[in-house]
Each structure stands twice: as structure tokens, then as C-alpha cells.
Amino acid sequence: MHSRGKPATVTVVERKSGLVRVGKIDRVGVQETLRRTVAILRNERHRIRTLTADNGSEFHMYKTLERRLRTTVYFALPHHAWEHGTYENTNGLLRQYLPKVGKQVGSGRGPWEYFLVALRQLRRKAAELPLAR
């Protein structure tokens, strides 16, 4: 969802509960991603035990992230999209409501409001589905 040095979003999704945290960064980079990820997760009521990141270079400071949040960071294997399906689905939905990279990401309340409403509806529909046997 980004090109180096361009505005982007940092997305954190908790698979079981469906908790989503999204934050804007002005330009993609290791420091900016670290700073925003810590800011998003630092004040959560429950300690974040593990994070799974993709293999992007913006997570090269994962050891610092582990220290600051007292967590463990894992990385999905390359070309194993199923290891982070919830994250990919959430980002796909997010792309429908926020402008593309290079434009102002997350400007105004409008796109964010629509995204949150759509996300809640999607979670509700998923909760109503019967479990696979």
C-alpha cells in the first residue's frame, strides 16, 4: 500500500477479535513505521503478545518494536499470503475507501467513517456464518 517516501497507512489487525488499528504516516520508512506502530499499540488495554509482519523493509527495526511493546514479532513467509489473510482482507477493504498512494492518505473524516462502517458490517456478516466442519 505504499512506495518508499510516500504517505501510507500502518494497519494492525487482531485476527480473533477483529480489532483494527490504522494510523497514517507521512512517508514510508523504518523510523516512521516503528514510531506509528508503537503509538497505535502502546495504549491498548491488554498487552500485545505477538505481531506478525510482512517481510517489508519498513519492519527492519523489529527488535526495537519488541522492546518498546514487550512483544514478539514474527514474519510471514514470502509468498504465503494465507499466513496473514485477515490483514490482507482488511487492507483490501481499506483501499476501497481511502485514496491511492501519492494522494493525501486519510484526509477528512468521510473515507474513514465509511471504512469503519463497512468493516463493522463485514465483521457482523462473518460472525453470522456457520463454522466450517
N, C-alpha and C. Protein backbone atom coordinates (compact mmCIF):
# COMPACT_ATOMS: atom_id res chain seq x y z
N MET A 1 0.83 -1.18 0.00
CA MET A 1 0.00 0.00 0.00
C MET A 1 0.87 1.24 0.00
N HIS A 2 2.11 1.12 -0.45
CA HIS A 2 2.99 2.27 -0.33
C HIS A 2 4.14 2.21 -1.32
N SER A 3 4.75 3.33 -1.49
CA SER A 3 6.03 3.44 -2.16
C SER A 3 6.94 4.20 -1.21
N ARG A 4 8.19 3.86 -1.21
CA ARG A 4 9.12 4.47 -0.28
C ARG A 4 9.05 5.99 -0.35
N GLY A 5 8.92 6.64 0.81
CA GLY A 5 8.90 8.09 0.89
C GLY A 5 7.54 8.72 0.65
N LYS A 6 6.51 7.92 0.39
CA LYS A 6 5.17 8.44 0.12
C LYS A 6 4.28 8.25 1.36
N PRO A 7 3.18 9.00 1.43
CA PRO A 7 2.23 8.79 2.53
C PRO A 7 1.65 7.38 2.48
N ALA A 8 1.33 6.84 3.65
CA ALA A 8 0.80 5.48 3.72
C ALA A 8 0.04 5.30 5.02
N THR A 9 -0.46 4.11 5.22
CA THR A 9 -1.11 3.77 6.48
C THR A 9 -0.41 2.57 7.09
N VAL A 10 -0.40 2.52 8.41
CA VAL A 10 0.06 1.36 9.15
C VAL A 10 -1.21 0.69 9.66
N THR A 11 -1.38 -0.58 9.34
CA THR A 11 -2.58 -1.31 9.71
C THR A 11 -2.21 -2.45 10.65
N VAL A 12 -2.89 -2.53 11.78
CA VAL A 12 -2.71 -3.62 12.74
C VAL A 12 -4.07 -4.27 12.92
N VAL A 13 -4.14 -5.59 12.69
CA VAL A 13 -5.40 -6.32 12.79
C VAL A 13 -5.21 -7.49 13.73
N GLU A 14 -6.10 -7.62 14.71
CA GLU A 14 -6.10 -8.77 15.62
C GLU A 14 -7.07 -9.79 15.04
N ARG A 15 -6.56 -10.95 14.71
CA ARG A 15 -7.32 -11.94 13.96
C ARG A 15 -8.58 -12.44 14.67
N LYS A 16 -8.48 -12.82 15.93
CA LYS A 16 -9.63 -13.42 16.61
C LYS A 16 -10.72 -12.42 16.94
N SER A 17 -10.35 -11.29 17.52
CA SER A 17 -11.37 -10.33 17.96
C SER A 17 -11.81 -9.40 16.83
N GLY A 18 -10.98 -9.27 15.79
CA GLY A 18 -11.30 -8.35 14.71
C GLY A 18 -10.91 -6.91 15.02
N LEU A 19 -10.20 -6.68 16.11
CA LEU A 19 -9.74 -5.34 16.47
C LEU A 19 -8.85 -4.80 15.35
N VAL A 20 -9.13 -3.59 14.93
CA VAL A 20 -8.35 -2.96 13.86
C VAL A 20 -7.84 -1.61 14.35
N ARG A 21 -6.57 -1.36 14.12
CA ARG A 21 -5.98 -0.06 14.41
C ARG A 21 -5.27 0.39 13.14
N VAL A 22 -5.57 1.60 12.71
CA VAL A 22 -4.98 2.15 11.49
C VAL A 22 -4.41 3.52 11.82
N GLY A 23 -3.20 3.77 11.35
CA GLY A 23 -2.58 5.07 11.57
C GLY A 23 -1.90 5.58 10.32
N LYS A 24 -1.90 6.85 10.16
CA LYS A 24 -1.30 7.49 8.99
C LYS A 24 0.18 7.77 9.26
N ILE A 25 0.99 7.56 8.23
CA ILE A 25 2.38 8.02 8.28
C ILE A 25 2.61 8.88 7.04
N ASP A 26 3.39 9.95 7.23
CA ASP A 26 3.60 10.91 6.15
C ASP A 26 4.51 10.39 5.06
N ARG A 27 5.43 9.50 5.42
CA ARG A 27 6.28 8.89 4.42
C ARG A 27 6.73 7.53 4.92
N VAL A 28 6.78 6.57 4.02
CA VAL A 28 7.15 5.21 4.38
C VAL A 28 8.63 5.15 4.70
N GLY A 29 8.95 4.56 5.81
CA GLY A 29 10.33 4.37 6.21
C GLY A 29 10.37 3.58 7.51
N VAL A 30 11.54 3.11 7.85
CA VAL A 30 11.70 2.28 9.04
C VAL A 30 11.33 3.05 10.30
N GLN A 31 11.88 4.25 10.47
CA GLN A 31 11.62 5.05 11.68
C GLN A 31 10.15 5.43 11.80
N GLU A 32 9.56 5.87 10.69
CA GLU A 32 8.17 6.31 10.71
C GLU A 32 7.23 5.15 11.03
N THR A 33 7.50 3.99 10.44
CA THR A 33 6.67 2.81 10.69
C THR A 33 6.79 2.38 12.14
N LEU A 34 8.00 2.36 12.66
CA LEU A 34 8.21 1.99 14.06
C LEU A 34 7.48 2.95 14.99
N ARG A 35 7.66 4.23 14.77
CA ARG A 35 7.05 5.25 15.63
C ARG A 35 5.52 5.12 15.64
N ARG A 36 4.93 4.97 14.46
CA ARG A 36 3.47 4.92 14.35
C ARG A 36 2.91 3.61 14.91
N THR A 37 3.60 2.50 14.67
CA THR A 37 3.14 1.21 15.21
C THR A 37 3.14 1.23 16.73
N VAL A 38 4.19 1.78 17.32
CA VAL A 38 4.25 1.88 18.79
C VAL A 38 3.14 2.80 19.29
N ALA A 39 2.93 3.92 18.63
CA ALA A 39 1.88 4.86 19.05
C ALA A 39 0.50 4.21 18.97
N ILE A 40 0.26 3.41 17.95
CA ILE A 40 -1.03 2.75 17.79
C ILE A 40 -1.28 1.74 18.91
N LEU A 41 -0.24 1.00 19.29
CA LEU A 41 -0.43 -0.14 20.19
C LEU A 41 -0.06 0.11 21.64
N ARG A 42 0.64 1.18 21.92
CA ARG A 42 1.14 1.42 23.27
C ARG A 42 0.03 1.50 24.32
N ASN A 43 -1.09 2.09 23.99
CA ASN A 43 -2.14 2.32 24.98
C ASN A 43 -3.27 1.31 24.96
N GLU A 44 -3.04 0.16 24.33
CA GLU A 44 -4.07 -0.88 24.34
C GLU A 44 -4.24 -1.41 25.77
N ARG A 45 -5.49 -1.74 26.11
CA ARG A 45 -5.78 -2.24 27.46
C ARG A 45 -5.02 -3.51 27.78
N HIS A 46 -4.95 -4.39 26.80
CA HIS A 46 -4.26 -5.66 27.00
C HIS A 46 -2.94 -5.63 26.27
N ARG A 47 -1.95 -6.22 26.88
CA ARG A 47 -0.62 -6.26 26.27
C ARG A 47 -0.67 -7.04 24.96
N ILE A 48 0.01 -6.53 23.96
CA ILE A 48 0.11 -7.19 22.67
C ILE A 48 1.20 -8.26 22.81
N ARG A 49 0.83 -9.51 22.71
CA ARG A 49 1.79 -10.59 22.94
C ARG A 49 2.64 -10.89 21.72
N THR A 50 2.02 -10.91 20.54
CA THR A 50 2.77 -11.19 19.31
C THR A 50 2.27 -10.31 18.18
N LEU A 51 3.13 -10.05 17.24
CA LEU A 51 2.79 -9.36 15.99
C LEU A 51 3.35 -10.20 14.85
N THR A 52 2.61 -10.27 13.76
CA THR A 52 3.13 -10.90 12.56
C THR A 52 3.18 -9.83 11.48
N ALA A 53 4.36 -9.62 10.95
CA ALA A 53 4.56 -8.57 9.93
C ALA A 53 4.85 -9.23 8.59
N ASP A 54 4.64 -8.45 7.53
CA ASP A 54 5.09 -8.95 6.24
C ASP A 54 6.60 -8.74 6.18
N ASN A 55 7.21 -9.06 5.09
CA ASN A 55 8.67 -9.01 5.00
C ASN A 55 9.20 -7.71 4.43
N GLY A 56 8.43 -6.63 4.54
CA GLY A 56 8.86 -5.34 4.03
C GLY A 56 10.02 -4.77 4.83
N SER A 57 10.82 -3.97 4.17
CA SER A 57 11.99 -3.38 4.83
C SER A 57 11.59 -2.38 5.92
N GLU A 58 10.33 -1.92 5.92
CA GLU A 58 9.90 -0.97 6.95
C GLU A 58 9.85 -1.61 8.34
N PHE A 59 9.98 -2.93 8.42
CA PHE A 59 9.99 -3.60 9.72
C PHE A 59 11.39 -4.06 10.14
N HIS A 60 12.42 -3.46 9.55
CA HIS A 60 13.79 -3.85 9.91
C HIS A 60 14.13 -3.54 11.36
N MET A 61 13.41 -2.64 11.99
CA MET A 61 13.68 -2.31 13.40
C MET A 61 12.75 -3.10 14.32
N TYR A 62 12.44 -4.33 13.95
CA TYR A 62 11.51 -5.13 14.73
C TYR A 62 12.01 -5.41 16.15
N LYS A 63 13.31 -5.49 16.34
CA LYS A 63 13.86 -5.72 17.70
C LYS A 63 13.52 -4.54 18.61
N THR A 64 13.59 -3.32 18.09
CA THR A 64 13.21 -2.14 18.86
C THR A 64 11.72 -2.17 19.16
N LEU A 65 10.92 -2.58 18.19
CA LEU A 65 9.47 -2.72 18.39
C LEU A 65 9.18 -3.74 19.48
N GLU A 66 9.89 -4.85 19.47
CA GLU A 66 9.70 -5.86 20.52
C GLU A 66 10.01 -5.31 21.90
N ARG A 67 11.10 -4.55 22.01
CA ARG A 67 11.48 -3.97 23.31
C ARG A 67 10.45 -2.95 23.79
N ARG A 68 10.03 -2.07 22.90
CA ARG A 68 9.11 -0.99 23.30
C ARG A 68 7.74 -1.50 23.69
N LEU A 69 7.27 -2.55 23.03
CA LEU A 69 5.94 -3.07 23.33
C LEU A 69 5.97 -4.34 24.18
N ARG A 70 7.16 -4.81 24.53
CA ARG A 70 7.32 -6.06 25.26
C ARG A 70 6.53 -7.18 24.57
N THR A 71 6.85 -7.38 23.31
CA THR A 71 6.14 -8.35 22.48
C THR A 71 7.15 -9.15 21.66
N THR A 72 6.65 -10.10 20.89
CA THR A 72 7.47 -10.87 19.97
C THR A 72 6.94 -10.62 18.56
N VAL A 73 7.84 -10.34 17.63
CA VAL A 73 7.46 -10.10 16.24
C VAL A 73 7.84 -11.32 15.41
N TYR A 74 6.87 -11.81 14.65
CA TYR A 74 7.10 -12.90 13.71
C TYR A 74 6.94 -12.35 12.30
N PHE A 75 7.47 -13.06 11.32
CA PHE A 75 7.36 -12.65 9.93
C PHE A 75 6.69 -13.76 9.13
N ALA A 76 5.74 -13.37 8.29
CA ALA A 76 5.10 -14.34 7.39
C ALA A 76 6.12 -14.78 6.36
N LEU A 77 6.01 -16.01 5.93
CA LEU A 77 6.92 -16.50 4.90
C LEU A 77 6.60 -15.83 3.57
N PRO A 78 7.62 -15.56 2.76
CA PRO A 78 7.36 -14.96 1.44
C PRO A 78 6.42 -15.84 0.62
N HIS A 79 5.51 -15.21 -0.09
CA HIS A 79 4.55 -15.89 -0.96
C HIS A 79 3.58 -16.79 -0.20
N HIS A 80 3.40 -16.58 1.10
CA HIS A 80 2.43 -17.32 1.90
C HIS A 80 1.36 -16.35 2.39
N ALA A 81 0.56 -15.85 1.47
CA ALA A 81 -0.45 -14.84 1.81
C ALA A 81 -1.44 -15.36 2.83
N TRP A 82 -1.68 -16.66 2.89
CA TRP A 82 -2.64 -17.21 3.84
C TRP A 82 -2.18 -17.06 5.29
N GLU A 83 -0.91 -16.75 5.51
CA GLU A 83 -0.42 -16.55 6.87
C GLU A 83 -0.83 -15.20 7.44
N HIS A 84 -1.34 -14.32 6.59
CA HIS A 84 -1.84 -13.04 7.08
C HIS A 84 -3.08 -12.63 6.29
N GLY A 85 -4.03 -13.57 6.18
CA GLY A 85 -5.24 -13.34 5.40
C GLY A 85 -6.13 -12.24 5.95
N THR A 86 -6.32 -12.21 7.28
CA THR A 86 -7.17 -11.18 7.88
C THR A 86 -6.62 -9.79 7.59
N TYR A 87 -5.31 -9.66 7.70
CA TYR A 87 -4.64 -8.39 7.42
C TYR A 87 -4.84 -7.99 5.96
N GLU A 88 -4.65 -8.94 5.04
CA GLU A 88 -4.81 -8.64 3.62
C GLU A 88 -6.25 -8.26 3.29
N ASN A 89 -7.21 -8.96 3.87
CA ASN A 89 -8.62 -8.63 3.63
C ASN A 89 -8.97 -7.24 4.16
N THR A 90 -8.45 -6.90 5.33
CA THR A 90 -8.71 -5.58 5.92
C THR A 90 -8.09 -4.49 5.06
N ASN A 91 -6.86 -4.71 4.60
CA ASN A 91 -6.21 -3.72 3.74
C ASN A 91 -6.94 -3.57 2.41
N GLY A 92 -7.47 -4.67 1.88
CA GLY A 92 -8.25 -4.59 0.64
C GLY A 92 -9.48 -3.72 0.82
N LEU A 93 -10.15 -3.88 1.96
CA LEU A 93 -11.31 -3.06 2.26
C LEU A 93 -10.89 -1.60 2.46
N LEU A 94 -9.78 -1.40 3.15
CA LEU A 94 -9.28 -0.05 3.39
C LEU A 94 -8.98 0.68 2.07
N ARG A 95 -8.42 -0.04 1.10
CA ARG A 95 -8.09 0.57 -0.20
C ARG A 95 -9.34 1.05 -0.94
N GLN A 96 -10.48 0.44 -0.66
CA GLN A 96 -11.71 0.87 -1.32
C GLN A 96 -12.17 2.24 -0.84
N TYR A 97 -11.78 2.61 0.38
CA TYR A 97 -12.31 3.83 0.99
C TYR A 97 -11.31 4.96 1.12
N LEU A 98 -10.03 4.67 1.03
CA LEU A 98 -9.02 5.71 1.15
C LEU A 98 -8.37 5.96 -0.21
N PRO A 99 -7.92 7.19 -0.44
CA PRO A 99 -7.26 7.50 -1.73
C PRO A 99 -6.02 6.64 -1.93
N LYS A 100 -5.63 6.51 -3.17
CA LYS A 100 -4.44 5.74 -3.51
C LYS A 100 -3.19 6.47 -3.03
N VAL A 101 -2.07 5.74 -2.99
CA VAL A 101 -0.79 6.29 -2.57
C VAL A 101 -0.44 7.48 -3.47
N GLY A 102 0.17 8.49 -2.87
CA GLY A 102 0.57 9.68 -3.61
C GLY A 102 -0.41 10.81 -3.40
N LYS A 103 -1.64 10.48 -3.02
CA LYS A 103 -2.62 11.49 -2.66
C LYS A 103 -2.60 11.59 -1.14
N GLN A 104 -3.33 12.52 -0.60
CA GLN A 104 -3.38 12.67 0.85
C GLN A 104 -4.10 11.46 1.46
N VAL A 105 -3.40 10.66 2.23
CA VAL A 105 -3.98 9.46 2.83
C VAL A 105 -4.79 9.85 4.05
N GLY A 106 -6.01 9.39 4.09
CA GLY A 106 -6.83 9.58 5.29
C GLY A 106 -7.26 11.01 5.52
N SER A 107 -7.34 11.82 4.50
CA SER A 107 -7.75 13.20 4.72
C SER A 107 -9.25 13.26 4.94
N GLY A 108 -9.68 14.03 5.91
CA GLY A 108 -11.10 14.19 6.20
C GLY A 108 -11.65 12.99 6.93
N ARG A 109 -12.83 13.16 7.50
CA ARG A 109 -13.47 12.08 8.23
C ARG A 109 -14.25 11.16 7.31
N GLY A 110 -14.67 11.65 6.18
CA GLY A 110 -15.54 10.88 5.29
C GLY A 110 -15.04 9.48 4.97
N PRO A 111 -13.89 9.33 4.33
CA PRO A 111 -13.42 7.99 3.96
C PRO A 111 -13.24 7.08 5.17
N TRP A 112 -12.75 7.62 6.28
CA TRP A 112 -12.56 6.82 7.49
C TRP A 112 -13.89 6.32 8.02
N GLU A 113 -14.87 7.20 8.05
CA GLU A 113 -16.20 6.82 8.55
C GLU A 113 -16.77 5.68 7.71
N TYR A 114 -16.71 5.81 6.39
CA TYR A 114 -17.23 4.77 5.51
C TYR A 114 -16.49 3.45 5.70
N PHE A 115 -15.18 3.55 5.85
CA PHE A 115 -14.38 2.35 6.07
C PHE A 115 -14.80 1.64 7.34
N LEU A 116 -14.95 2.38 8.43
CA LEU A 116 -15.31 1.77 9.71
C LEU A 116 -16.70 1.14 9.66
N VAL A 117 -17.64 1.80 9.02
CA VAL A 117 -18.99 1.24 8.88
C VAL A 117 -18.92 -0.06 8.07
N ALA A 118 -18.20 -0.04 6.95
CA ALA A 118 -18.08 -1.23 6.11
C ALA A 118 -17.39 -2.36 6.86
N LEU A 119 -16.38 -2.03 7.64
CA LEU A 119 -15.66 -3.04 8.40
C LEU A 119 -16.56 -3.68 9.45
N ARG A 120 -17.35 -2.86 10.14
CA ARG A 120 -18.29 -3.39 11.14
C ARG A 120 -19.31 -4.32 10.49
N GLN A 121 -19.83 -3.93 9.34
CA GLN A 121 -20.81 -4.76 8.64
C GLN A 121 -20.18 -6.09 8.21
N LEU A 122 -18.95 -6.04 7.71
CA LEU A 122 -18.26 -7.24 7.29
C LEU A 122 -18.04 -8.17 8.48
N ARG A 123 -17.63 -7.62 9.62
CA ARG A 123 -17.40 -8.43 10.82
C ARG A 123 -18.72 -9.07 11.28
N ARG A 124 -19.82 -8.30 11.22
CA ARG A 124 -21.11 -8.82 11.62
C ARG A 124 -21.53 -9.98 10.73
N LYS A 125 -21.36 -9.82 9.42
CA LYS A 125 -21.71 -10.88 8.49
C LYS A 125 -20.86 -12.13 8.75
N ALA A 126 -19.57 -11.94 9.00
CA ALA A 126 -18.68 -13.07 9.26
C ALA A 126 -19.10 -13.79 10.54
N ALA A 127 -19.55 -13.06 11.54
CA ALA A 127 -19.97 -13.67 12.81
C ALA A 127 -21.23 -14.49 12.63
N GLU A 128 -22.04 -14.17 11.63
CA GLU A 128 -23.29 -14.90 11.41
C GLU A 128 -23.10 -16.18 10.60
N LEU A 129 -21.95 -16.33 9.95
CA LEU A 129 -21.70 -17.51 9.14
C LEU A 129 -21.52 -18.74 10.01
N PRO A 130 -22.03 -19.89 9.56
CA PRO A 130 -21.81 -21.12 10.34
C PRO A 130 -20.33 -21.51 10.26
N LEU A 131 -19.84 -22.14 11.31
CA LEU A 131 -18.44 -22.58 11.33
C LEU A 131 -18.26 -23.76 10.39
N ALA A 132 -17.13 -23.82 9.73
CA ALA A 132 -16.81 -24.95 8.85
C ALA A 132 -16.58 -26.18 9.68
N ARG A 133 -17.00 -27.31 9.15
CA ARG A 133 -16.81 -28.57 9.90
C ARG A 133 -15.77 -29.43 9.25
